[in-house]
Amino acid sequence: MVGRLSGEKRQDLLFEAGNSDDLAKKIDMWLDDKEELEKMRKVYSESAEKYRIEKSMEKIEEMFKDEIKEYGI
C-alpha cells in the first residue's frame, strides 16, 4: 500500500501499488472533496519541507562537521 507523507495514516488515503483502479478512486475522492484536498495540500506541503535539498545538505554538512570534530581531522 502506498500512503501519504504525514504522520497519521488513514486507510481512505492509501492505495494499492500497481492498482490503477484503486488510485483512480483516490483521485476521484480528492476531486469530490475540495475542503479535504485543501487541508491535505497544506499537510503535504509542510511535510515536504523536511525533504528539501537545502535541508538535506545542511544535515549532511552538520554530520561531516561533527565527525571532523570527533576525529580531529
N, C-alpha and C. Protein backbone atom coordinates (compact mmCIF):
# COMPACT_ATOMS: atom_id res chain seq x y z
N MET A 1 0.84 -1.18 0.00
CA MET A 1 0.00 0.00 0.00
C MET A 1 0.89 1.25 0.00
N VAL A 2 0.49 2.21 -0.75
CA VAL A 2 1.21 3.46 -0.80
C VAL A 2 0.43 4.47 0.02
N GLY A 3 1.09 5.09 0.99
CA GLY A 3 0.41 6.01 1.88
C GLY A 3 0.83 7.44 1.64
N ARG A 4 0.50 8.26 2.58
CA ARG A 4 0.85 9.67 2.46
C ARG A 4 2.02 9.98 3.38
N LEU A 5 2.55 11.18 3.27
CA LEU A 5 3.75 11.55 3.99
C LEU A 5 3.52 11.96 5.43
N SER A 6 2.36 12.43 5.78
CA SER A 6 2.16 12.94 7.12
C SER A 6 2.09 11.81 8.13
N GLY A 7 2.19 12.19 9.40
CA GLY A 7 2.29 11.21 10.47
C GLY A 7 1.12 10.25 10.59
N GLU A 8 -0.08 10.78 10.64
CA GLU A 8 -1.24 9.91 10.82
C GLU A 8 -1.57 9.20 9.51
N LYS A 9 -1.85 7.92 9.59
CA LYS A 9 -2.21 7.18 8.38
C LYS A 9 -3.71 6.93 8.40
N ARG A 10 -4.32 7.18 7.27
CA ARG A 10 -5.75 6.94 7.12
C ARG A 10 -5.94 5.96 5.97
N GLN A 11 -6.72 4.95 6.21
CA GLN A 11 -6.96 3.92 5.19
C GLN A 11 -7.57 4.50 3.93
N ASP A 12 -8.40 5.53 4.07
CA ASP A 12 -9.06 6.09 2.88
C ASP A 12 -8.09 6.85 1.99
N LEU A 13 -6.88 7.10 2.46
CA LEU A 13 -5.89 7.80 1.65
C LEU A 13 -4.83 6.86 1.08
N LEU A 14 -4.95 5.58 1.37
CA LEU A 14 -3.99 4.60 0.86
C LEU A 14 -4.52 3.99 -0.43
N PHE A 15 -3.58 3.64 -1.30
CA PHE A 15 -3.97 2.90 -2.50
C PHE A 15 -2.97 1.79 -2.74
N GLU A 16 -3.44 0.74 -3.36
CA GLU A 16 -2.60 -0.42 -3.61
C GLU A 16 -1.64 -0.12 -4.76
N ALA A 17 -0.35 -0.29 -4.49
CA ALA A 17 0.66 -0.05 -5.52
C ALA A 17 0.39 -0.92 -6.74
N GLY A 18 0.43 -0.31 -7.90
CA GLY A 18 0.21 -1.04 -9.15
C GLY A 18 -1.26 -1.20 -9.52
N ASN A 19 -2.16 -0.73 -8.68
CA ASN A 19 -3.59 -0.87 -8.92
C ASN A 19 -4.16 0.47 -9.39
N SER A 20 -4.25 0.64 -10.69
CA SER A 20 -4.69 1.93 -11.25
C SER A 20 -6.15 2.23 -10.92
N ASP A 21 -6.98 1.21 -10.78
CA ASP A 21 -8.38 1.44 -10.41
C ASP A 21 -8.49 2.01 -9.01
N ASP A 22 -7.71 1.45 -8.10
CA ASP A 22 -7.72 1.94 -6.73
C ASP A 22 -7.19 3.38 -6.68
N LEU A 23 -6.13 3.65 -7.41
CA LEU A 23 -5.59 5.01 -7.48
C LEU A 23 -6.63 5.98 -8.05
N ALA A 24 -7.32 5.57 -9.09
CA ALA A 24 -8.36 6.42 -9.70
C ALA A 24 -9.45 6.77 -8.68
N LYS A 25 -9.82 5.80 -7.84
CA LYS A 25 -10.82 6.05 -6.80
C LYS A 25 -10.33 7.12 -5.83
N LYS A 26 -9.05 7.04 -5.46
CA LYS A 26 -8.49 8.03 -4.54
C LYS A 26 -8.44 9.41 -5.19
N ILE A 27 -8.09 9.48 -6.44
CA ILE A 27 -8.07 10.76 -7.16
C ILE A 27 -9.48 11.34 -7.21
N ASP A 28 -10.46 10.50 -7.51
CA ASP A 28 -11.85 10.96 -7.53
C ASP A 28 -12.27 11.50 -6.17
N MET A 29 -11.81 10.83 -5.11
CA MET A 29 -12.14 11.28 -3.76
C MET A 29 -11.63 12.72 -3.56
N TRP A 30 -10.41 13.00 -3.99
CA TRP A 30 -9.85 14.35 -3.84
C TRP A 30 -10.65 15.36 -4.68
N LEU A 31 -11.02 14.96 -5.88
CA LEU A 31 -11.77 15.86 -6.75
C LEU A 31 -13.15 16.18 -6.19
N ASP A 32 -13.73 15.23 -5.48
CA ASP A 32 -15.08 15.40 -4.93
C ASP A 32 -15.09 16.15 -3.59
N ASP A 33 -13.96 16.18 -2.89
CA ASP A 33 -13.92 16.79 -1.55
C ASP A 33 -12.85 17.88 -1.53
N LYS A 34 -13.22 19.05 -2.04
CA LYS A 34 -12.27 20.17 -2.16
C LYS A 34 -11.75 20.63 -0.80
N GLU A 35 -12.61 20.59 0.21
CA GLU A 35 -12.19 21.03 1.54
C GLU A 35 -11.08 20.11 2.07
N GLU A 36 -11.27 18.82 1.96
CA GLU A 36 -10.24 17.87 2.41
C GLU A 36 -8.98 18.01 1.57
N LEU A 37 -9.15 18.25 0.28
CA LEU A 37 -8.00 18.45 -0.61
C LEU A 37 -7.15 19.62 -0.13
N GLU A 38 -7.77 20.73 0.17
CA GLU A 38 -7.02 21.91 0.63
C GLU A 38 -6.34 21.64 1.96
N LYS A 39 -7.03 20.97 2.85
CA LYS A 39 -6.46 20.62 4.16
C LYS A 39 -5.22 19.76 3.98
N MET A 40 -5.34 18.73 3.15
CA MET A 40 -4.22 17.80 2.97
C MET A 40 -3.11 18.42 2.12
N ARG A 41 -3.45 19.33 1.24
CA ARG A 41 -2.43 20.02 0.46
C ARG A 41 -1.46 20.73 1.41
N LYS A 42 -2.01 21.36 2.44
CA LYS A 42 -1.19 22.05 3.43
C LYS A 42 -0.33 21.04 4.20
N VAL A 43 -0.93 19.94 4.61
CA VAL A 43 -0.19 18.91 5.35
C VAL A 43 0.97 18.38 4.51
N TYR A 44 0.70 18.06 3.26
CA TYR A 44 1.74 17.53 2.37
C TYR A 44 2.83 18.56 2.14
N SER A 45 2.45 19.80 1.96
CA SER A 45 3.42 20.86 1.71
C SER A 45 4.35 21.03 2.91
N GLU A 46 3.79 21.03 4.10
CA GLU A 46 4.61 21.14 5.31
C GLU A 46 5.52 19.93 5.47
N SER A 47 5.01 18.77 5.19
CA SER A 47 5.81 17.55 5.29
C SER A 47 6.96 17.56 4.29
N ALA A 48 6.71 18.05 3.10
CA ALA A 48 7.73 18.07 2.05
C ALA A 48 8.90 18.98 2.42
N GLU A 49 8.66 19.98 3.24
CA GLU A 49 9.72 20.90 3.63
C GLU A 49 10.90 20.16 4.27
N LYS A 50 10.62 19.08 4.99
CA LYS A 50 11.68 18.32 5.65
C LYS A 50 12.64 17.70 4.65
N TYR A 51 12.21 17.51 3.42
CA TYR A 51 12.99 16.77 2.44
C TYR A 51 13.57 17.66 1.34
N ARG A 52 13.49 18.98 1.52
CA ARG A 52 14.07 19.90 0.53
C ARG A 52 15.58 19.66 0.46
N ILE A 53 16.15 19.81 -0.71
CA ILE A 53 17.57 19.55 -0.90
C ILE A 53 18.43 20.42 0.02
N GLU A 54 18.01 21.66 0.24
CA GLU A 54 18.77 22.55 1.11
C GLU A 54 18.84 22.00 2.54
N LYS A 55 17.72 21.51 3.03
CA LYS A 55 17.70 20.93 4.37
C LYS A 55 18.58 19.69 4.45
N SER A 56 18.50 18.87 3.42
CA SER A 56 19.31 17.65 3.39
C SER A 56 20.79 17.99 3.38
N MET A 57 21.17 18.98 2.60
CA MET A 57 22.58 19.38 2.53
C MET A 57 23.05 19.94 3.87
N GLU A 58 22.22 20.72 4.54
CA GLU A 58 22.58 21.23 5.86
C GLU A 58 22.83 20.09 6.83
N LYS A 59 21.98 19.08 6.80
CA LYS A 59 22.16 17.93 7.70
C LYS A 59 23.44 17.17 7.38
N ILE A 60 23.73 16.99 6.10
CA ILE A 60 24.95 16.28 5.70
C ILE A 60 26.18 17.06 6.14
N GLU A 61 26.17 18.37 5.91
CA GLU A 61 27.30 19.20 6.34
C GLU A 61 27.50 19.13 7.84
N GLU A 62 26.40 19.17 8.58
CA GLU A 62 26.47 19.08 10.03
C GLU A 62 27.08 17.74 10.46
N MET A 63 26.69 16.67 9.79
CA MET A 63 27.25 15.35 10.12
C MET A 63 28.75 15.32 9.86
N PHE A 64 29.19 15.86 8.74
CA PHE A 64 30.61 15.90 8.43
C PHE A 64 31.37 16.73 9.45
N LYS A 65 30.84 17.89 9.82
CA LYS A 65 31.49 18.75 10.81
C LYS A 65 31.62 18.03 12.15
N ASP A 66 30.57 17.32 12.55
CA ASP A 66 30.61 16.55 13.80
C ASP A 66 31.70 15.48 13.75
N GLU A 67 31.80 14.80 12.64
CA GLU A 67 32.81 13.75 12.51
C GLU A 67 34.22 14.34 12.50
N ILE A 68 34.38 15.48 11.86
CA ILE A 68 35.68 16.15 11.84
C ILE A 68 36.08 16.55 13.26
N LYS A 69 35.14 17.09 14.02
CA LYS A 69 35.43 17.46 15.40
C LYS A 69 35.79 16.23 16.22
N GLU A 70 35.02 15.18 16.06
CA GLU A 70 35.22 13.98 16.87
C GLU A 70 36.56 13.30 16.59
N TYR A 71 36.96 13.27 15.33
CA TYR A 71 38.18 12.56 14.97
C TYR A 71 39.36 13.50 14.72
N GLY A 72 39.16 14.80 14.91
CA GLY A 72 40.24 15.77 14.79
C GLY A 72 40.87 15.83 13.42
N ILE A 73 40.06 15.65 12.41
CA ILE A 73 40.58 15.65 11.05
C ILE A 73 40.72 17.08 10.56
